[in-house]
């Protein structure tokens, strides 16, 4: 196990900046998920840590020691590629032990290590199977076993569930989390899917445009995004636009939140344009006139079933819309007026 520190990494591809002084720490034995849109620099961070890219500035330290001067195979890192890169002409046994052969492990130690790893990833007895005989999830676990074979201090996973269908993802999230927990190895998982991060990680690192926007324990980051950009990536939606005036938020035009739902944080913001966001899971649509909402009204755009209830797409005007739960038996029709009820504790106010 080891503590991974990324310190002010910068990197460019030609004249295009990929990383802009990105910094974060993954403490010994913890699993961190790095979340962000495509092109934000997530995979570049992994490649720099693993030694496949040389940064233009900054440092990578494992247990306080810089690894930038070491070749990839001497960094103590294991990188599992999104494409898996398994050898189709080799069986499971020889795929997993490939790196051990290159490191000249004795045969008996190689075989014992492969057996140990097949048990860990819940594929005992699969050593002689070929890649075409495996399901997508089984190939994923073989790739993980191969990455773990040399006993890396830091495990790097690039979109480990990205190529799988949603039903298989749900199953493998649970399996992968259990494996990572048993390993107790410092791990960094890159994903663009928040559901993967929530299922797998202890800590969350949110990236945007080559820099780290926020990092910390997963529950804290989810509950308190530091900016509207981070909040949007974490499933928050814009409910109201307006301005802060003398420590109070005032919605633009007819947009208001009534006295039953206070907007927190206005007293801490300077006067100027602002917007109120709430997590989508906390927003419920109610029939207009129910007088149980939070003072926010909108128009139904569409509905879709979701188990015994419905999800309603509600237009809030100015190009904004939000998905809200509808718990009544009969779903509303497009064009119907509704009001929204919001759990006050999920409201977040940000300057624009």
Protein backbone atom coordinates (compact mmCIF):
# COMPACT_ATOMS: atom_id res chain seq x y z
CA UNK A 1 0.00 0.00 0.00
CA UNK A 2 1.09 3.60 -0.57
CA UNK A 3 -0.09 7.21 -0.59
CA UNK A 4 -0.36 8.71 -4.08
CA UNK A 5 0.24 12.46 -4.46
CA UNK A 6 -0.25 14.37 -7.70
CA UNK A 7 1.29 17.83 -7.38
CA UNK A 8 0.51 20.64 -9.86
CA UNK A 9 0.72 18.48 -12.98
CA UNK A 10 0.75 20.30 -16.29
CA UNK A 11 0.78 18.65 -19.70
CA UNK A 12 0.20 19.66 -23.31
CA UNK A 13 -0.44 17.86 -26.56
CA UNK A 14 1.20 20.26 -29.01
CA UNK A 15 -0.27 23.65 -28.17
CA UNK A 16 -3.36 22.16 -26.53
CA UNK A 17 -3.23 22.11 -22.70
CA UNK A 18 -4.41 18.79 -21.24
CA UNK A 19 -3.57 19.37 -17.57
CA UNK A 20 -3.41 22.70 -15.74
CA UNK A 21 -1.66 22.30 -12.37
CA UNK A 22 -3.83 19.36 -11.34
CA UNK A 23 -3.29 18.36 -7.70
CA UNK A 24 -4.81 15.75 -5.38
CA UNK A 25 -3.87 13.01 -2.89
CA UNK A 26 -5.15 9.46 -2.50
CA UNK A 27 -4.33 8.25 0.98
CA UNK A 28 -2.90 4.82 1.72
CA UNK A 29 -5.44 2.05 1.05
CA UNK A 30 -8.28 4.30 -0.14
CA UNK A 31 -10.19 4.11 -3.43
CA UNK A 32 -10.62 7.44 -5.22
CA UNK A 33 -12.79 8.01 -8.27
CA UNK A 34 -11.86 10.72 -10.76
CA UNK A 35 -14.97 12.08 -12.43
CA UNK A 36 -15.31 14.48 -15.34
CA UNK A 37 -16.45 14.87 -18.94
CA UNK A 38 -14.56 13.49 -21.92
CA UNK A 39 -11.49 15.56 -22.71
CA UNK A 40 -11.04 16.97 -19.19
CA UNK A 41 -7.67 15.24 -18.65
CA UNK A 42 -8.65 12.18 -16.59
CA UNK A 43 -6.86 9.59 -18.72
CA UNK A 44 -3.85 11.87 -19.14
CA UNK A 45 -3.47 11.92 -15.35
CA UNK A 46 -3.42 8.11 -15.30
CA UNK A 47 -0.88 7.93 -18.13
CA UNK A 48 1.43 10.40 -16.38
CA UNK A 49 1.19 8.49 -13.09
CA UNK A 50 1.91 5.20 -14.89
CA UNK A 51 4.86 6.68 -16.77
CA UNK A 52 3.35 6.53 -20.27
CA UNK A 53 3.49 10.34 -20.57
CA UNK A 54 6.13 12.76 -19.29
CA UNK A 55 4.48 15.88 -17.85
CA UNK A 56 5.62 19.40 -18.71
CA UNK A 57 5.47 20.39 -15.04
CA UNK A 58 4.58 19.16 -11.59
CA UNK A 59 5.31 15.88 -9.86
CA UNK A 60 3.94 12.44 -8.99
CA UNK A 61 4.90 11.01 -5.62
CA UNK A 62 4.29 7.59 -4.09
CA UNK A 63 4.85 7.53 -0.35
CA UNK A 64 6.53 10.93 -0.62
CA UNK A 65 9.04 9.91 -3.29
CA UNK A 66 8.91 11.26 -6.84
CA UNK A 67 8.51 8.55 -9.50
CA UNK A 68 8.90 10.77 -12.57
CA UNK A 69 12.47 9.62 -13.10
CA UNK A 70 11.57 5.93 -13.00
CA UNK A 71 10.54 3.78 -15.97
CA UNK A 72 6.93 2.53 -15.94
CA UNK A 73 7.78 -0.99 -14.76
CA UNK A 74 9.64 0.35 -11.70
CA UNK A 75 6.97 2.75 -10.41
CA UNK A 76 4.92 0.23 -8.46
CA UNK A 77 1.79 1.13 -10.42
CA UNK A 78 -0.61 -1.13 -12.30
CA UNK A 79 -2.74 0.34 -15.09
CA UNK A 80 -5.84 -1.42 -16.41
CA UNK A 81 -6.71 0.04 -19.81
CA UNK A 82 -10.27 0.76 -20.88
CA UNK A 83 -9.73 -1.47 -23.93
CA UNK A 84 -8.50 -4.32 -21.60
CA UNK A 85 -5.77 -5.24 -24.14
CA UNK A 86 -6.01 -8.96 -23.43
CA UNK A 87 -4.18 -11.35 -25.75
CA UNK A 88 -6.82 -13.34 -27.70
CA UNK A 89 -4.36 -16.12 -28.61
CA UNK A 90 -3.49 -16.83 -24.95
CA UNK A 91 -5.62 -18.53 -22.33
CA UNK A 92 -6.56 -16.91 -19.03
CA UNK A 93 -3.55 -18.37 -17.18
CA UNK A 94 -1.02 -17.00 -19.64
CA UNK A 95 -2.75 -13.63 -19.93
CA UNK A 96 -2.59 -13.10 -16.18
CA UNK A 97 1.00 -14.30 -15.79
CA UNK A 98 2.32 -12.35 -18.80
CA UNK A 99 3.86 -9.56 -16.70
CA UNK A 100 5.24 -12.07 -14.23
CA UNK A 101 7.05 -13.88 -17.06
CA UNK A 102 8.57 -10.58 -18.16
CA UNK A 103 9.69 -10.01 -14.56
CA UNK A 104 11.17 -13.53 -14.54
CA UNK A 105 9.10 -14.90 -11.67
CA UNK A 106 9.79 -18.63 -11.12
CA UNK A 107 7.15 -20.91 -12.61
CA UNK A 108 5.83 -22.18 -9.29
CA UNK A 109 5.40 -18.65 -7.94
CA UNK A 110 3.66 -17.58 -11.15
CA UNK A 111 1.17 -20.43 -10.97
CA UNK A 112 0.47 -19.81 -7.29
CA UNK A 113 -0.09 -16.10 -7.95
CA UNK A 114 -2.48 -16.81 -10.82
CA UNK A 115 -4.50 -19.24 -8.69
CA UNK A 116 -4.67 -16.62 -5.92
CA UNK A 117 -5.88 -13.94 -8.33
CA UNK A 118 -8.46 -16.17 -10.02
CA UNK A 119 -9.93 -16.85 -6.60
CA UNK A 120 -9.88 -13.12 -5.80
CA UNK A 121 -11.81 -12.16 -8.95
CA UNK A 122 -14.18 -15.13 -8.51
CA UNK A 123 -12.98 -17.10 -11.57
CA UNK A 124 -11.44 -20.23 -10.00
CA UNK A 125 -10.69 -22.95 -12.52
CA UNK A 126 -10.79 -20.57 -15.52
CA UNK A 127 -7.03 -20.78 -16.23
CA UNK A 128 -7.29 -22.83 -19.45
CA UNK A 129 -10.18 -20.89 -21.00
CA UNK A 130 -9.65 -18.73 -24.06
CA UNK A 131 -10.79 -15.13 -24.35
CA UNK A 132 -13.59 -15.98 -26.81
CA UNK A 133 -15.06 -18.37 -24.24
CA UNK A 134 -15.55 -15.59 -21.67
CA UNK A 135 -18.35 -13.08 -21.19
CA UNK A 136 -17.63 -9.37 -21.14
CA UNK A 137 -17.70 -9.29 -17.37
CA UNK A 138 -15.35 -12.27 -17.12
CA UNK A 139 -12.86 -10.64 -19.50
CA UNK A 140 -13.05 -7.51 -17.35
CA UNK A 141 -12.07 -9.51 -14.28
CA UNK A 142 -9.24 -11.29 -16.12
CA UNK A 143 -7.85 -7.89 -17.11
CA UNK A 144 -8.04 -6.77 -13.49
CA UNK A 145 -6.26 -9.93 -12.33
CA UNK A 146 -3.48 -9.34 -14.87
CA UNK A 147 -3.06 -5.76 -13.63
CA UNK A 148 -2.86 -6.99 -10.04
CA UNK A 149 -0.42 -9.82 -10.76
CA UNK A 150 2.83 -7.88 -10.10
CA UNK A 151 1.43 -6.63 -6.75
CA UNK A 152 1.37 -2.90 -7.55
CA UNK A 153 1.38 -0.35 -4.73
CA UNK A 154 -1.05 1.86 -6.66
CA UNK A 155 -3.82 0.49 -8.88
CA UNK A 156 -5.02 2.65 -11.79
CA UNK A 157 -8.29 1.78 -13.55
CA UNK A 158 -9.31 3.64 -16.72
CA UNK A 159 -13.10 3.43 -17.21
CA UNK A 160 -13.18 -0.18 -15.92
CA UNK A 161 -16.91 -0.52 -16.62
CA UNK A 162 -17.20 1.79 -19.61
CA UNK A 163 -17.64 -0.81 -22.34
CA UNK A 164 -20.36 -2.86 -20.60
CA UNK A 165 -24.14 -2.69 -20.83
CA UNK A 166 -26.00 -1.21 -17.87
CA UNK A 167 -27.33 -4.49 -16.47
CA UNK A 168 -23.81 -5.98 -16.37
CA UNK A 169 -22.41 -2.73 -14.96
CA UNK A 170 -24.74 -2.96 -11.98
CA UNK A 171 -23.55 -6.48 -11.24
CA UNK A 172 -19.86 -5.71 -11.70
CA UNK A 173 -19.94 -2.53 -9.62
CA UNK A 174 -20.74 -4.65 -6.59
CA UNK A 175 -18.14 -7.27 -7.48
CA UNK A 176 -15.40 -4.73 -8.21
CA UNK A 177 -16.04 -2.83 -5.00
CA UNK A 178 -15.78 -6.07 -3.02
CA UNK A 179 -12.50 -6.92 -4.76
CA UNK A 180 -11.03 -3.48 -4.09
CA UNK A 181 -12.08 -3.71 -0.44
CA UNK A 182 -10.36 -7.08 -0.06
CA UNK A 183 -7.20 -5.78 -1.74
CA UNK A 184 -6.84 -2.75 0.54
CA UNK A 185 -4.65 -1.26 -2.22
CA UNK A 186 -4.49 2.46 -2.98
CA UNK A 187 -6.62 2.81 -6.12
CA UNK A 188 -7.57 5.54 -8.59
CA UNK A 189 -10.58 4.83 -10.81
CA UNK A 190 -11.32 7.10 -13.78
CA UNK A 191 -14.93 7.34 -14.92
CA UNK A 192 -17.37 9.71 -16.59
CA UNK A 193 -20.29 7.92 -14.89
CA UNK A 194 -21.21 9.19 -11.43
CA UNK A 195 -22.90 5.86 -10.63
CA UNK A 196 -19.55 4.09 -10.96
CA UNK A 197 -17.89 6.59 -8.64
CA UNK A 198 -20.59 6.26 -5.99
CA UNK A 199 -20.49 2.45 -6.12
CA UNK A 200 -16.70 2.08 -6.02
CA UNK A 201 -15.03 4.98 -4.25
CA UNK A 202 -14.20 6.31 -0.80
CA UNK A 203 -13.10 9.67 -2.22
CA UNK A 204 -14.15 11.75 -5.23
CA UNK A 205 -11.98 13.93 -7.46
CA UNK A 206 -13.94 16.15 -9.88
CA UNK A 207 -12.06 17.41 -12.93
CA UNK A 208 -12.86 20.01 -15.55
CA UNK A 209 -10.74 21.49 -18.33
CA UNK A 210 -7.52 19.91 -17.10
CA UNK A 211 -7.69 20.93 -13.46
CA UNK A 212 -9.10 19.54 -10.22
CA UNK A 213 -12.27 21.43 -9.33
CA UNK A 214 -12.92 19.65 -6.03
CA UNK A 215 -11.57 16.64 -4.13
CA UNK A 216 -12.45 15.02 -0.84
CA UNK A 217 -14.42 12.22 0.82
CA UNK A 218 -17.24 11.09 -1.46
CA UNK A 219 -20.17 12.00 0.87
CA UNK A 220 -18.78 15.49 1.50
CA UNK A 221 -18.25 16.30 -2.18
CA UNK A 222 -21.69 14.99 -3.14
CA UNK A 223 -23.37 17.01 -0.39
CA UNK A 224 -21.42 20.26 -0.79
CA UNK A 225 -20.24 20.96 -4.35
CA UNK A 226 -17.99 24.04 -4.34
CA UNK A 227 -19.36 25.48 -7.59
CA UNK A 228 -22.28 25.25 -9.98
CA UNK A 229 -20.01 23.47 -12.50
CA UNK A 230 -19.20 20.73 -9.98
CA UNK A 231 -22.81 20.51 -8.82
CA UNK A 232 -24.05 20.00 -12.38
CA UNK A 233 -21.65 17.08 -12.85
CA UNK A 234 -22.98 15.56 -9.62
CA UNK A 235 -26.63 15.58 -10.68
CA UNK A 236 -27.79 18.99 -9.45
CA UNK A 237 -30.12 21.05 -11.65
CA UNK A 238 -30.76 24.79 -11.92
CA UNK A 239 -34.12 25.64 -10.38
CA UNK A 240 -33.98 29.43 -10.23
CA UNK A 241 -31.97 32.27 -11.66
CA UNK A 242 -31.82 35.69 -10.09
CA UNK A 243 -29.52 37.76 -7.92
CA UNK A 244 -28.28 38.20 -4.38
CA UNK A 245 -29.19 41.58 -2.90
CA UNK A 246 -28.13 42.55 0.62
CA UNK A 247 -27.82 38.93 1.75
CA UNK A 248 -31.07 37.70 0.19
CA UNK A 249 -31.72 35.79 -3.03
CA UNK A 250 -34.36 37.25 -5.33
CA UNK A 251 -35.53 35.31 -8.36
CA UNK A 252 -35.77 37.05 -11.71
CA UNK A 253 -39.26 37.93 -12.92
CA UNK A 254 -41.91 35.59 -11.48
CA UNK A 255 -39.37 33.06 -10.24
CA UNK A 256 -39.63 32.80 -6.47
CA UNK A 257 -39.23 30.37 -3.63
CA UNK A 258 -41.86 30.97 -0.99
CA UNK A 259 -41.35 31.34 2.72
CA UNK A 260 -41.61 27.61 3.37
CA UNK A 261 -38.25 27.01 1.68
CA UNK A 262 -35.32 29.24 2.56
CA UNK A 263 -32.36 29.59 0.20
CA UNK A 264 -29.21 28.98 2.24
CA UNK A 265 -25.93 30.80 1.74
CA UNK A 266 -27.19 34.13 0.38
CA UNK A 267 -25.73 35.98 3.32
CA UNK A 268 -22.26 34.70 2.37
CA UNK A 269 -22.36 35.86 -1.28
CA UNK A 270 -21.63 39.33 -2.65
CA UNK A 271 -24.42 41.17 -4.44
CA UNK A 272 -24.79 40.05 -8.04
CA UNK A 273 -26.23 37.39 -10.36
CA UNK A 274 -26.82 33.99 -8.74
CA UNK A 275 -28.63 30.71 -9.30
CA UNK A 276 -30.26 28.13 -7.07
CA UNK A 277 -29.58 24.44 -7.70
CA UNK A 278 -31.03 21.32 -6.12
CA UNK A 279 -30.20 17.64 -6.50
CA UNK A 280 -32.55 16.05 -9.00
CA UNK A 281 -33.37 13.19 -6.60
CA UNK A 282 -34.97 15.67 -4.19
CA UNK A 283 -37.36 17.34 -6.65
CA UNK A 284 -41.01 16.25 -6.77
CA UNK A 285 -43.75 17.50 -9.11
CA UNK A 286 -47.22 18.17 -7.73
CA UNK A 287 -50.51 19.24 -9.32
CA UNK A 288 -50.80 23.00 -9.71
CA UNK A 289 -52.69 24.56 -6.85
CA UNK A 290 -51.80 21.86 -4.35
CA UNK A 291 -50.14 24.50 -2.15
CA UNK A 292 -47.63 21.88 -1.04
CA UNK A 293 -44.80 22.99 -3.31
CA UNK A 294 -41.88 25.33 -2.75
CA UNK A 295 -43.24 28.17 -4.86
CA UNK A 296 -41.61 27.01 -8.12
CA UNK A 297 -43.92 26.36 -11.06
CA UNK A 298 -43.39 24.87 -14.48
CA UNK A 299 -44.99 23.13 -17.45
CA UNK A 300 -44.92 19.41 -18.20
CA UNK A 301 -42.93 18.57 -21.33
CA UNK A 302 -43.14 14.76 -21.15
CA UNK A 303 -43.63 11.86 -18.75
CA UNK A 304 -42.12 8.39 -18.54
CA UNK A 305 -42.90 5.46 -16.25
CA UNK A 306 -40.40 4.54 -13.55
CA UNK A 307 -41.60 1.50 -11.65
CA UNK A 308 -44.88 2.28 -9.85
CA UNK A 309 -44.40 6.05 -10.25
CA UNK A 310 -43.49 8.44 -13.08
CA UNK A 311 -40.71 10.84 -13.92
CA UNK A 312 -41.92 14.15 -15.31
CA UNK A 313 -39.81 16.47 -17.46
CA UNK A 314 -40.77 19.98 -16.37
CA UNK A 315 -39.91 23.14 -18.28
CA UNK A 316 -38.97 26.04 -16.00
CA UNK A 317 -38.54 28.62 -18.76
CA UNK A 318 -35.40 30.27 -20.17
CA UNK A 319 -34.36 26.94 -21.67
CA UNK A 320 -34.19 25.21 -18.28
CA UNK A 321 -35.86 21.93 -17.44
CA UNK A 322 -35.74 19.39 -14.64
CA UNK A 323 -36.79 15.78 -14.17
CA UNK A 324 -39.06 15.41 -11.13
CA UNK A 325 -40.80 12.51 -9.40
CA UNK A 326 -44.58 12.25 -9.81
CA UNK A 327 -46.10 9.94 -7.22
CA UNK A 328 -49.81 10.20 -8.04
CA UNK A 329 -51.40 7.30 -9.91
CA UNK A 330 -52.37 9.25 -13.04
CA UNK A 331 -49.50 10.97 -14.81
CA UNK A 332 -49.95 14.58 -15.99
CA UNK A 333 -50.21 15.44 -19.68
CA UNK A 334 -47.75 17.56 -21.65
CA UNK A 335 -48.71 21.20 -21.24
CA UNK A 336 -50.12 20.75 -17.72
CA UNK A 337 -49.01 23.26 -15.10
CA UNK A 338 -47.27 21.78 -12.05
CA UNK A 339 -45.48 23.04 -9.00
CA UNK A 340 -42.28 21.63 -7.56
CA UNK A 341 -41.58 20.57 -4.02
CA UNK A 342 -37.92 20.57 -3.00
CA UNK A 343 -36.21 19.30 0.12
CA UNK A 344 -34.70 22.50 1.54
CA UNK A 345 -31.50 20.79 2.63
CA UNK A 346 -30.57 20.03 -0.99
CA UNK A 347 -30.75 23.65 -2.20
CA UNK A 348 -27.41 25.19 -3.17
CA UNK A 349 -26.80 28.84 -4.11
CA UNK A 350 -23.95 29.91 -6.37
CA UNK A 351 -22.84 33.21 -7.85
CA UNK A 352 -22.91 33.36 -11.65
